[in-house]
Amino acid sequence: MCNLLLMPHYETIRRTFILMAAGFMFIICGALVHILDPYLLIFKWKLIFQEGSEIFNLWRTPPVDLYIKIYLFNVTNAEDFMAGRAEKMQIEEVGPYVYRELMSHDNITFNENGTLSTRPHHPLIFQKGLSGNLREDDVFMMPNIALLSIAHVAANQPYLLRWPINMLIRQTKVQPLERQTAKEFMYGYPTTLTTLGYTFLPGWISFDKVGLIDRMYDFDDDFETFFTGETSASMSGLYDTYLGSPDLAQWDGAHCSNIQNASDGTKFKSFIEPNDQLLFFRKSMCRAQILIQNGTYEVDGLKATKFVFEENALDNGEVDERNKCYCRKGNCLPRGLVDVTSCYYGFPIALSYPHFLDADPKVLSHVNGSRPDPKAHRSHFMINPVSGLPLELSVKFQINMVLDDLSSMAHCEKFSNLVVPTLWFEITMPGLPKSLLSRFIFYLKILPFGDQVVKHSLLAFGGILLLVAITKVSLTLSSAYSSAYRISNELRESLW
């Protein structure tokens, strides 16, 4: 009897089971979206460098506003200091002289081992509008880099080698402090000393002028290899080797020499975990700097992890024993100074943070006028943790001359055992251009949100269909069995 009663409901039951099957299918699709995460798969695929791919093209020629701001230290009491009337040099910060850096990776060749080879290119263009009233032909009293460098090298040589150099210094009347334009100091100009060095000591000086920014941005013979992300998408755009090696020849020990997996600032590691540390390498730094996390922020609508240089990074082993490998030839400079002589053509150059921030107080006592300010002179990086895209960066270092005993060198005696600040610079990207920002907001906010909407919609719609189907089946069966019960009762009564 039940079967007879259910026959009119078969079509309804059939449709209900189709509805139930559709609900199961939607739930399965939602679960697959959750498990397989197609957005993540597509995003990882886009991170891999391939000829013509979007991320690769952005890395090859970054369409960002990248600047270097240069602050010179003008010696305001040069005459009194040289004459012995002043015990210390008085320095005055002048700047910023702002240059736009047109960074690019040229002559790219894809290799079979998941890397690509390239030559870096970093031309600078002076930005008058961003430099205020400053001009490249402004004249200041600045250290004579060529004289002090040659004096520093010659001071440890036998008398017979020092004598002709001292005679040349006296004859040319060259002084360790001299009037120079801002451009001459930064980019160099031919002098008798550099011409002689270039002519007779080509193994030491391969150029006929000495300018700190000119030497800092000398990439003519550089070649590098970067990971394409073929083996690990998160590593695309990070260094594999520099000048053919994962280690810098200037340092001993992996802690100081390693640059592998470092970023040149164009792209950092993708999918950054909460405790991850990063590496940042620039030739001008002569080392890879460790970056540590310092909070989570939002920059222009995108999530950003703030990174800073690790504490005591420039301590030369005083606090962190690992940093002793930065002591050149066993000679450890005071905390806050890193000897980069080997990276600056044998010139007695040391890097520090601006105005000797975090340096040994004794270093600040060499000159008057240094005013370290953590807010103004600390570096930071704002990096999107998913893509590794830098949203904002500010990298600040100071170039100093660290001089030995020059008492045997003409005109240079007053500079014996001094640390002389010359300039400090900030490499900065204030933010992404609007066109690039809107593109990455779409990739990093809208698409993930859409992915979540699709996933939850599938699960919710499937759940609703199942609920409706189960409810319909229950109601149909309940109605059928109620009818059967009623008919059964009627038959029983009629029989009696």
Protein backbone atom coordinates (compact mmCIF):
# COMPACT_ATOMS: atom_id res chain seq x y z
CA MET A 1 0.00 0.00 0.00
CA CYS A 2 2.86 2.37 0.88
CA ASN A 3 4.37 1.86 -2.57
CA LEU A 4 1.00 2.73 -4.14
CA LEU A 5 0.80 5.84 -2.02
CA LEU A 6 4.38 6.89 -2.84
CA MET A 7 3.91 6.52 -6.63
CA PRO A 8 2.41 10.06 -7.05
CA HIS A 9 5.47 11.47 -5.18
CA TYR A 10 8.18 9.67 -7.22
CA GLU A 11 8.77 12.67 -9.48
CA THR A 12 9.08 14.97 -6.49
CA ILE A 13 11.46 12.54 -4.78
CA ARG A 14 13.54 12.20 -7.94
CA ARG A 15 13.90 15.98 -8.24
CA THR A 16 14.74 16.18 -4.57
CA PHE A 17 17.55 13.66 -4.89
CA ILE A 18 18.91 15.60 -7.91
CA LEU A 19 18.86 18.67 -5.69
CA MET A 20 20.69 16.73 -2.99
CA ALA A 21 23.32 15.53 -5.49
CA ALA A 22 23.83 19.11 -6.68
CA GLY A 23 24.30 20.21 -3.07
CA PHE A 24 26.94 17.53 -2.53
CA MET A 25 28.69 18.64 -5.74
CA PHE A 26 28.80 22.28 -4.64
CA ILE A 27 30.18 21.29 -1.23
CA ILE A 28 32.83 19.07 -2.86
CA CYS A 29 33.80 21.92 -5.22
CA GLY A 30 34.08 24.31 -2.26
CA ALA A 31 36.23 21.79 -0.38
CA LEU A 32 38.48 21.37 -3.43
CA VAL A 33 38.86 25.15 -3.74
CA HIS A 34 39.87 25.22 -0.07
CA ILE A 35 42.32 22.31 -0.37
CA LEU A 36 43.87 23.10 -3.76
CA ASP A 37 43.75 26.92 -3.34
CA PRO A 38 43.77 27.83 -7.06
CA TYR A 39 44.54 31.48 -6.25
CA LEU A 40 47.77 30.44 -4.51
CA LEU A 41 48.71 28.09 -7.35
CA ILE A 42 48.19 30.83 -9.95
CA PHE A 43 50.02 33.41 -7.80
CA LYS A 44 53.03 31.10 -7.36
CA TRP A 45 53.08 30.50 -11.10
CA LYS A 46 53.09 34.26 -11.73
CA LEU A 47 56.06 34.72 -9.36
CA ILE A 48 58.31 32.53 -11.52
CA PHE A 49 60.57 34.52 -13.84
CA GLN A 50 59.98 33.68 -17.49
CA GLU A 51 60.73 35.70 -20.59
CA GLY A 52 57.85 38.12 -21.07
CA SER A 53 56.11 37.31 -17.76
CA GLU A 54 54.64 40.20 -15.79
CA ILE A 55 56.67 39.85 -12.57
CA PHE A 56 59.88 39.29 -14.53
CA ASN A 57 59.33 42.48 -16.55
CA LEU A 58 58.68 44.44 -13.36
CA TRP A 59 61.90 43.09 -11.85
CA ARG A 60 63.98 43.68 -14.99
CA THR A 61 63.09 47.38 -15.15
CA PRO A 62 61.24 48.40 -11.98
CA PRO A 63 58.68 51.13 -12.82
CA VAL A 64 59.13 52.82 -9.44
CA ASP A 65 60.41 56.15 -8.18
CA LEU A 66 63.78 55.20 -6.70
CA TYR A 67 65.97 58.01 -5.39
CA ILE A 68 69.29 58.51 -3.67
CA LYS A 69 69.51 61.50 -1.36
CA ILE A 70 73.05 62.64 -0.61
CA TYR A 71 74.06 64.78 2.37
CA LEU A 72 77.58 66.27 2.30
CA PHE A 73 79.63 67.29 5.34
CA ASN A 74 81.04 70.76 4.76
CA VAL A 75 84.03 71.62 6.99
CA THR A 76 83.27 75.11 8.28
CA ASN A 77 86.54 75.72 10.16
CA ALA A 78 89.02 74.26 7.66
CA GLU A 79 91.50 77.14 7.86
CA ASP A 80 91.58 77.17 11.66
CA PHE A 81 91.89 73.38 11.85
CA MET A 82 94.75 73.22 9.36
CA ALA A 83 96.54 76.09 11.11
CA GLY A 84 96.22 74.39 14.49
CA ARG A 85 93.89 77.04 15.94
CA ALA A 86 91.05 74.51 16.22
CA GLU A 87 91.46 71.12 17.85
CA LYS A 88 88.70 69.44 15.82
CA MET A 89 87.00 69.89 12.49
CA GLN A 90 83.54 71.44 12.64
CA ILE A 91 81.22 69.78 10.14
CA GLU A 92 77.93 71.03 8.77
CA GLU A 93 75.44 68.79 6.96
CA VAL A 94 74.37 70.09 3.54
CA GLY A 95 71.66 68.38 1.54
CA PRO A 96 69.90 66.53 0.26
CA TYR A 97 71.20 66.44 -3.29
CA VAL A 98 68.55 64.21 -4.85
CA TYR A 99 69.19 61.88 -7.79
CA ARG A 100 66.77 59.52 -9.44
CA GLU A 101 68.15 56.02 -9.90
CA LEU A 102 67.02 54.31 -13.10
CA MET A 103 67.70 50.78 -11.93
CA SER A 104 67.58 47.92 -14.45
CA HIS A 105 68.89 44.40 -15.00
CA ASP A 106 70.46 44.20 -18.45
CA ASN A 107 71.88 41.50 -20.77
CA ILE A 108 69.74 38.78 -19.22
CA THR A 109 70.39 35.12 -19.98
CA PHE A 110 68.22 32.31 -18.59
CA ASN A 111 70.27 29.35 -17.32
CA GLU A 112 69.28 25.70 -17.10
CA ASN A 113 69.70 25.47 -13.32
CA GLY A 114 66.80 27.74 -12.36
CA THR A 115 68.82 30.96 -12.41
CA LEU A 116 69.37 33.87 -14.76
CA SER A 117 72.51 35.91 -15.38
CA THR A 118 72.45 39.69 -15.70
CA ARG A 119 74.48 42.88 -15.49
CA PRO A 120 73.20 45.64 -13.18
CA HIS A 121 72.67 49.17 -14.43
CA HIS A 122 72.10 52.13 -12.07
CA PRO A 123 72.39 55.50 -13.86
CA LEU A 124 71.66 58.58 -11.73
CA ILE A 125 69.85 61.73 -12.87
CA PHE A 126 69.99 64.90 -10.78
CA GLN A 127 66.56 66.12 -9.63
CA LYS A 128 66.67 69.91 -9.34
CA GLY A 129 63.07 70.15 -8.21
CA LEU A 130 63.59 67.78 -5.28
CA SER A 131 66.93 69.33 -4.21
CA GLY A 132 65.49 72.69 -3.18
CA ASN A 133 67.95 75.52 -3.69
CA LEU A 134 70.94 73.20 -3.89
CA ARG A 135 72.85 72.85 -7.14
CA GLU A 136 75.68 70.57 -8.23
CA ASP A 137 78.02 73.55 -8.64
CA ASP A 138 77.67 74.61 -4.98
CA VAL A 139 81.16 75.00 -3.46
CA PHE A 140 82.13 73.55 -0.08
CA MET A 141 85.27 72.79 1.88
CA MET A 142 85.60 69.02 1.62
CA PRO A 143 88.23 66.32 2.31
CA ASN A 144 90.64 65.63 -0.54
CA ILE A 145 89.87 61.94 -0.96
CA ALA A 146 92.75 61.31 -3.40
CA LEU A 147 95.42 62.92 -1.21
CA LEU A 148 94.28 61.34 2.04
CA SER A 149 93.98 57.91 0.41
CA ILE A 150 97.43 58.05 -1.14
CA ALA A 151 98.89 59.41 2.11
CA HIS A 152 97.23 56.59 4.06
CA VAL A 153 98.71 53.94 1.77
CA ALA A 154 102.14 55.56 1.53
CA ALA A 155 102.50 56.24 5.27
CA ASN A 156 103.40 52.61 5.95
CA GLN A 157 105.92 52.41 3.11
CA PRO A 158 109.73 52.81 3.43
CA TYR A 159 111.17 56.33 3.36
CA LEU A 160 112.50 55.98 -0.20
CA LEU A 161 108.95 55.35 -1.45
CA ARG A 162 107.40 58.10 0.67
CA TRP A 163 109.94 60.75 -0.30
CA PRO A 164 108.89 61.29 -3.96
CA ILE A 165 105.22 61.32 -2.96
CA ASN A 166 105.87 63.91 -0.25
CA MET A 167 107.90 65.99 -2.70
CA LEU A 168 105.00 65.89 -5.20
CA ILE A 169 102.53 66.90 -2.49
CA ARG A 170 104.70 69.88 -1.51
CA GLN A 171 105.33 70.96 -5.09
CA THR A 172 101.67 70.84 -6.08
CA LYS A 173 100.66 72.47 -2.76
CA VAL A 174 97.70 70.13 -2.58
CA GLN A 175 95.85 70.23 0.75
CA PRO A 176 93.78 67.58 2.61
CA LEU A 177 90.86 70.03 2.77
CA GLU A 178 90.01 71.94 -0.38
CA ARG A 179 87.23 73.80 -2.09
CA GLN A 180 85.21 71.52 -4.32
CA THR A 181 81.84 71.69 -5.97
CA ALA A 182 79.28 69.18 -4.79
CA LYS A 183 79.48 67.38 -8.13
CA GLU A 184 83.30 67.26 -8.07
CA PHE A 185 83.27 65.69 -4.62
CA MET A 186 80.59 63.15 -5.49
CA TYR A 187 81.73 62.29 -9.02
CA GLY A 188 85.41 63.21 -8.95
CA TYR A 189 87.69 65.35 -11.08
CA PRO A 190 91.18 64.71 -12.50
CA THR A 191 94.08 65.67 -10.23
CA THR A 192 97.83 65.26 -10.50
CA LEU A 193 97.84 62.57 -7.83
CA THR A 194 95.07 60.46 -9.39
CA THR A 195 96.58 60.85 -12.85
CA LEU A 196 99.94 59.59 -11.57
CA GLY A 197 98.23 56.75 -9.70
CA TYR A 198 96.21 55.82 -12.77
CA THR A 199 99.33 55.93 -14.95
CA PHE A 200 101.88 54.21 -12.70
CA LEU A 201 99.70 52.10 -10.38
CA PRO A 202 96.94 50.72 -12.64
CA GLY A 203 96.65 47.68 -10.38
CA TRP A 204 95.48 49.94 -7.57
CA ILE A 205 93.69 52.79 -9.38
CA SER A 206 92.02 51.98 -12.68
CA PHE A 207 90.39 55.42 -13.04
CA ASP A 208 91.68 58.96 -13.39
CA LYS A 209 89.35 60.70 -10.93
CA VAL A 210 88.08 59.97 -7.42
CA GLY A 211 84.48 60.63 -6.44
CA LEU A 212 82.70 58.64 -3.74
CA ILE A 213 79.34 58.38 -5.50
CA ASP A 214 81.09 57.70 -8.81
CA ARG A 215 82.95 54.77 -7.24
CA MET A 216 79.89 53.62 -5.30
CA TYR A 217 77.91 53.37 -8.53
CA ASP A 218 80.65 51.78 -10.61
CA PHE A 219 78.89 48.66 -11.93
CA ASP A 220 80.80 48.43 -15.23
CA ASP A 221 82.41 45.03 -14.58
CA ASP A 222 79.71 43.54 -12.36
CA PHE A 223 77.73 40.42 -13.20
CA GLU A 224 75.17 38.60 -11.08
CA THR A 225 72.89 35.57 -11.08
CA PHE A 226 69.42 35.45 -9.54
CA PHE A 227 66.98 32.64 -8.85
CA THR A 228 64.06 32.48 -11.28
CA GLY A 229 61.77 30.70 -8.82
CA GLU A 230 61.66 27.57 -10.96
CA THR A 231 62.55 25.35 -7.98
CA SER A 232 60.88 27.55 -5.34
CA ALA A 233 58.56 30.37 -6.38
CA SER A 234 59.18 32.29 -3.15
CA MET A 235 62.88 32.70 -4.03
CA SER A 236 62.44 34.36 -7.42
CA GLY A 237 64.46 37.57 -7.75
CA LEU A 238 66.93 36.70 -4.97
CA TYR A 239 70.69 36.48 -5.43
CA ASP A 240 72.35 33.20 -6.31
CA THR A 241 75.83 34.64 -6.93
CA TYR A 242 77.65 37.97 -7.26
CA LEU A 243 80.73 38.07 -9.49
CA GLY A 244 80.36 34.32 -9.91
CA SER A 245 80.27 33.37 -6.22
CA PRO A 246 77.68 33.18 -3.42
CA ASP A 247 80.36 34.72 -1.17
CA LEU A 248 82.04 38.12 -1.25
CA ALA A 249 85.79 37.81 -1.68
CA GLN A 250 86.39 40.63 0.83
CA TRP A 251 85.33 38.57 3.86
CA ASP A 252 86.13 35.21 5.43
CA GLY A 253 83.37 33.11 6.94
CA ALA A 254 79.84 32.58 5.64
CA HIS A 255 78.26 34.95 8.18
CA CYS A 256 80.12 37.90 6.66
CA SER A 257 80.64 36.80 3.07
CA ASN A 258 77.36 35.15 2.06
CA ILE A 259 75.00 37.05 -0.26
CA GLN A 260 73.02 34.06 -1.55
CA ASN A 261 69.26 34.49 -1.04
CA ALA A 262 69.72 38.23 -0.49
CA SER A 263 67.60 40.82 -2.27
CA ASP A 264 68.90 43.81 -4.20
CA GLY A 265 65.78 45.69 -3.09
CA THR A 266 63.67 44.94 -6.17
CA LYS A 267 61.90 41.89 -4.75
CA PHE A 268 62.28 40.09 -1.44
CA LYS A 269 61.32 36.57 -0.43
CA SER A 270 57.64 35.79 -0.98
CA PHE A 271 55.34 34.11 1.58
CA ILE A 272 57.23 35.54 4.56
CA GLU A 273 56.57 33.72 7.83
CA PRO A 274 56.28 35.56 11.20
CA ASN A 275 59.82 34.67 12.36
CA ASP A 276 61.63 34.92 9.01
CA GLN A 277 64.74 37.06 8.62
CA LEU A 278 65.71 38.51 5.25
CA LEU A 279 68.97 39.57 3.59
CA PHE A 280 69.59 42.81 1.71
CA PHE A 281 72.67 43.36 -0.45
CA ARG A 282 73.99 46.39 -2.30
CA LYS A 283 77.48 46.68 -3.70
CA SER A 284 77.97 50.03 -1.93
CA MET A 285 77.43 48.28 1.43
CA CYS A 286 80.12 45.68 0.71
CA ARG A 287 78.05 43.13 2.65
CA ALA A 288 74.61 41.60 3.01
CA GLN A 289 72.66 43.08 5.90
CA ILE A 290 70.32 40.90 7.98
CA LEU A 291 66.79 42.30 8.27
CA ILE A 292 64.55 41.46 11.21
CA GLN A 293 60.81 42.00 11.60
CA ASN A 294 59.57 45.02 13.51
CA GLY A 295 55.78 45.00 13.36
CA THR A 296 52.90 44.74 10.90
CA TYR A 297 51.36 47.76 9.20
CA GLU A 298 49.20 48.77 6.26
CA VAL A 299 50.80 50.82 3.48
CA ASP A 300 48.56 52.29 0.78
CA GLY A 301 45.93 49.65 1.41
CA LEU A 302 48.31 46.67 1.36
CA LYS A 303 49.55 44.62 4.32
CA ALA A 304 53.21 45.32 5.11
CA THR A 305 55.76 43.79 7.45
CA LYS A 306 58.30 46.32 8.67
CA PHE A 307 61.92 45.16 8.59
CA VAL A 308 64.95 46.90 10.12
CA PHE A 309 68.65 46.10 10.33
CA GLU A 310 69.41 43.72 13.16
CA GLU A 311 70.74 45.23 16.36
CA ASN A 312 74.55 45.43 16.67
CA ALA A 313 74.97 44.71 12.95
CA LEU A 314 78.04 47.01 12.83
CA ASP A 315 79.66 46.00 16.11
CA ASN A 316 82.65 44.04 14.66
CA GLY A 317 82.27 41.29 17.26
CA GLU A 318 82.15 43.48 20.36
CA VAL A 319 78.62 42.27 21.15
CA ASP A 320 77.92 39.66 18.50
CA GLU A 321 80.89 37.28 18.22
CA ARG A 322 79.89 36.32 14.66
CA ASN A 323 80.71 39.81 13.42
CA LYS A 324 84.43 39.44 14.08
CA CYS A 325 84.83 38.31 10.48
CA TYR A 326 84.28 41.97 9.52
CA CYS A 327 87.60 42.83 11.14
CA ARG A 328 89.87 43.36 8.12
CA LYS A 329 93.22 41.59 8.49
CA GLY A 330 92.48 41.12 12.18
CA ASN A 331 92.10 44.86 12.78
CA CYS A 332 88.71 45.58 14.38
CA LEU A 333 87.41 49.11 14.01
CA PRO A 334 85.38 50.64 16.86
CA ARG A 335 81.74 49.62 17.14
CA GLY A 336 79.63 51.27 14.47
CA LEU A 337 82.31 51.28 11.74
CA VAL A 338 82.80 48.60 9.10
CA ASP A 339 86.05 48.60 7.13
CA VAL A 340 85.14 48.42 3.43
CA THR A 341 88.59 49.31 2.09
CA SER A 342 88.60 46.22 -0.14
CA CYS A 343 85.37 47.31 -1.83
CA TYR A 344 86.53 50.89 -2.40
CA TYR A 345 89.74 50.26 -4.35
CA GLY A 346 92.01 50.28 -1.32
CA PHE A 347 90.86 53.68 -0.10
CA PRO A 348 90.58 53.85 3.72
CA ILE A 349 86.78 53.84 3.70
CA ALA A 350 84.49 52.68 6.50
CA LEU A 351 80.72 52.61 6.54
CA SER A 352 78.56 53.63 9.47
CA TYR A 353 75.01 54.70 10.03
CA PRO A 354 74.40 58.46 9.48
CA HIS A 355 76.03 60.75 12.03
CA PHE A 356 77.61 57.66 13.64
CA LEU A 357 74.27 56.41 14.95
CA ASP A 358 74.80 53.44 17.33
CA ALA A 359 78.60 53.86 17.11
CA ASP A 360 81.11 53.85 19.94
CA PRO A 361 80.93 57.34 21.56
CA LYS A 362 84.68 57.71 20.96
CA VAL A 363 84.00 57.81 17.21
CA LEU A 364 81.75 60.85 17.59
CA SER A 365 84.54 62.69 19.41
CA HIS A 366 86.76 62.89 16.29
CA VAL A 367 84.81 65.85 14.86
CA ASN A 368 82.28 68.38 16.07
CA GLY A 369 78.84 68.52 14.49
CA SER A 370 77.63 64.92 14.42
CA ARG A 371 74.08 64.66 15.70
CA PRO A 372 72.76 61.08 15.50
CA ASP A 373 68.98 60.86 15.51
CA PRO A 374 67.31 57.41 15.47
CA LYS A 375 64.14 58.78 13.87
CA ALA A 376 65.98 60.54 11.05
CA HIS A 377 68.88 58.14 10.52
CA ARG A 378 67.44 54.65 10.99
CA SER A 379 66.74 52.44 7.93
CA HIS A 380 63.53 50.52 7.33
CA PHE A 381 61.81 48.34 4.75
CA MET A 382 58.05 47.92 4.32
CA ILE A 383 57.53 44.60 2.53
CA ASN A 384 54.32 42.84 1.54
CA PRO A 385 54.71 39.39 3.15
CA VAL A 386 52.82 37.49 0.43
CA SER A 387 54.50 38.81 -2.71
CA GLY A 388 57.82 40.04 -1.27
CA LEU A 389 57.12 43.36 -2.97
CA PRO A 390 58.74 46.38 -1.28
CA LEU A 391 56.03 48.96 -0.66
CA GLU A 392 58.40 51.51 0.83
CA LEU A 393 62.08 51.53 1.72
CA SER A 394 64.70 53.80 3.19
CA VAL A 395 68.33 52.61 3.38
CA LYS A 396 70.78 54.97 5.10
CA PHE A 397 74.55 54.73 5.40
CA GLN A 398 77.46 57.10 5.90
CA ILE A 399 80.84 56.98 4.14
CA ASN A 400 83.83 57.85 6.31
CA MET A 401 87.60 57.88 5.96
CA VAL A 402 89.45 56.02 8.73
CA LEU A 403 93.05 57.19 8.67
CA ASP A 404 96.15 55.73 10.32
CA ASP A 405 99.19 57.65 11.54
CA LEU A 406 99.96 60.21 8.77
CA SER A 407 102.67 62.08 10.64
CA SER A 408 105.20 61.09 7.95
CA MET A 409 103.13 62.52 5.09
CA ALA A 410 103.35 66.15 3.99
CA HIS A 411 100.34 68.38 4.73
CA CYS A 412 98.41 65.46 6.24
CA GLU A 413 99.80 65.34 9.77
CA LYS A 414 96.65 66.84 11.34
CA PHE A 415 94.59 63.92 10.02
CA SER A 416 96.53 61.22 11.85
CA ASN A 417 94.29 58.58 13.46
CA LEU A 418 91.10 60.43 12.57
CA VAL A 419 87.69 59.21 11.46
CA VAL A 420 86.51 61.79 8.92
CA PRO A 421 82.83 61.77 7.87
CA THR A 422 82.44 62.67 4.20
CA LEU A 423 78.78 62.15 3.29
CA TRP A 424 75.75 60.05 4.08
CA PHE A 425 73.15 58.81 1.68
CA GLU A 426 69.61 57.49 1.69
CA ILE A 427 68.37 55.14 -1.00
CA THR A 428 64.64 55.58 -0.87
CA MET A 429 61.46 54.46 -2.54
CA PRO A 430 58.66 56.51 -0.94
CA GLY A 431 55.91 54.26 -2.33
CA LEU A 432 54.58 52.48 -5.38
CA PRO A 433 53.30 54.48 -8.35
CA LYS A 434 49.50 54.46 -8.60
CA SER A 435 49.38 52.23 -11.67
CA LEU A 436 51.50 49.55 -10.00
CA LEU A 437 49.74 49.94 -6.66
CA SER A 438 46.28 49.42 -8.19
CA ARG A 439 47.55 46.32 -9.98
CA PHE A 440 48.88 44.75 -6.78
CA ILE A 441 45.81 45.72 -4.78
CA PHE A 442 43.87 43.69 -7.35
CA TYR A 443 46.29 40.75 -7.04
CA LEU A 444 46.76 40.84 -3.26
CA LYS A 445 43.38 42.02 -1.95
CA ILE A 446 40.59 41.72 -4.50
CA LEU A 447 41.51 38.32 -5.97
CA PRO A 448 42.06 36.64 -2.56
CA PHE A 449 38.75 38.12 -1.38
CA GLY A 450 37.06 36.80 -4.53
CA ASP A 451 38.66 33.41 -3.91
CA GLN A 452 37.18 33.35 -0.39
CA VAL A 453 33.78 34.51 -1.64
CA VAL A 454 33.69 31.73 -4.27
CA LYS A 455 34.79 29.08 -1.76
CA HIS A 456 32.30 30.07 0.93
CA SER A 457 29.53 30.61 -1.63
CA LEU A 458 30.02 27.08 -2.96
CA LEU A 459 29.95 25.61 0.54
CA ALA A 460 26.99 27.74 1.62
CA PHE A 461 24.96 27.13 -1.57
CA GLY A 462 25.70 23.40 -1.41
CA GLY A 463 24.65 23.33 2.23
CA ILE A 464 21.42 25.17 1.45
CA LEU A 465 20.61 22.78 -1.41
CA LEU A 466 21.21 19.80 0.87
CA LEU A 467 19.05 21.28 3.58
CA VAL A 468 16.23 22.01 1.11
CA ALA A 469 16.51 18.52 -0.38
CA ILE A 470 16.48 16.80 2.98
CA THR A 471 13.53 18.92 4.10
CA LYS A 472 11.59 18.08 0.92
CA VAL A 473 12.29 14.35 1.26
CA SER A 474 11.24 14.45 4.89
CA LEU A 475 8.02 16.30 4.11
CA THR A 476 7.18 13.98 1.17
CA LEU A 477 7.77 10.83 3.16
CA SER A 478 5.90 12.25 6.13
CA SER A 479 2.95 13.14 3.90
CA ALA A 480 2.95 9.68 2.28
CA TYR A 481 3.07 7.81 5.55
CA SER A 482 0.40 10.08 7.05
CA SER A 483 -1.85 9.30 4.11
CA ALA A 484 -1.13 5.59 4.49
CA TYR A 485 -1.95 5.73 8.18
CA ARG A 486 -5.21 7.59 7.54
CA ILE A 487 -6.31 5.14 4.78
CA SER A 488 -5.38 2.20 7.00
CA ASN A 489 -7.56 3.55 9.78
CA GLU A 490 -10.46 4.13 7.39
CA LEU A 491 -10.25 0.56 6.06
CA ARG A 492 -10.12 -0.84 9.57
CA GLU A 493 -13.25 1.11 10.55
CA SER A 494 -15.13 0.06 7.42
CA LEU A 495 -14.37 -3.61 8.11
CA TRP A 496 -15.78 -3.36 11.55
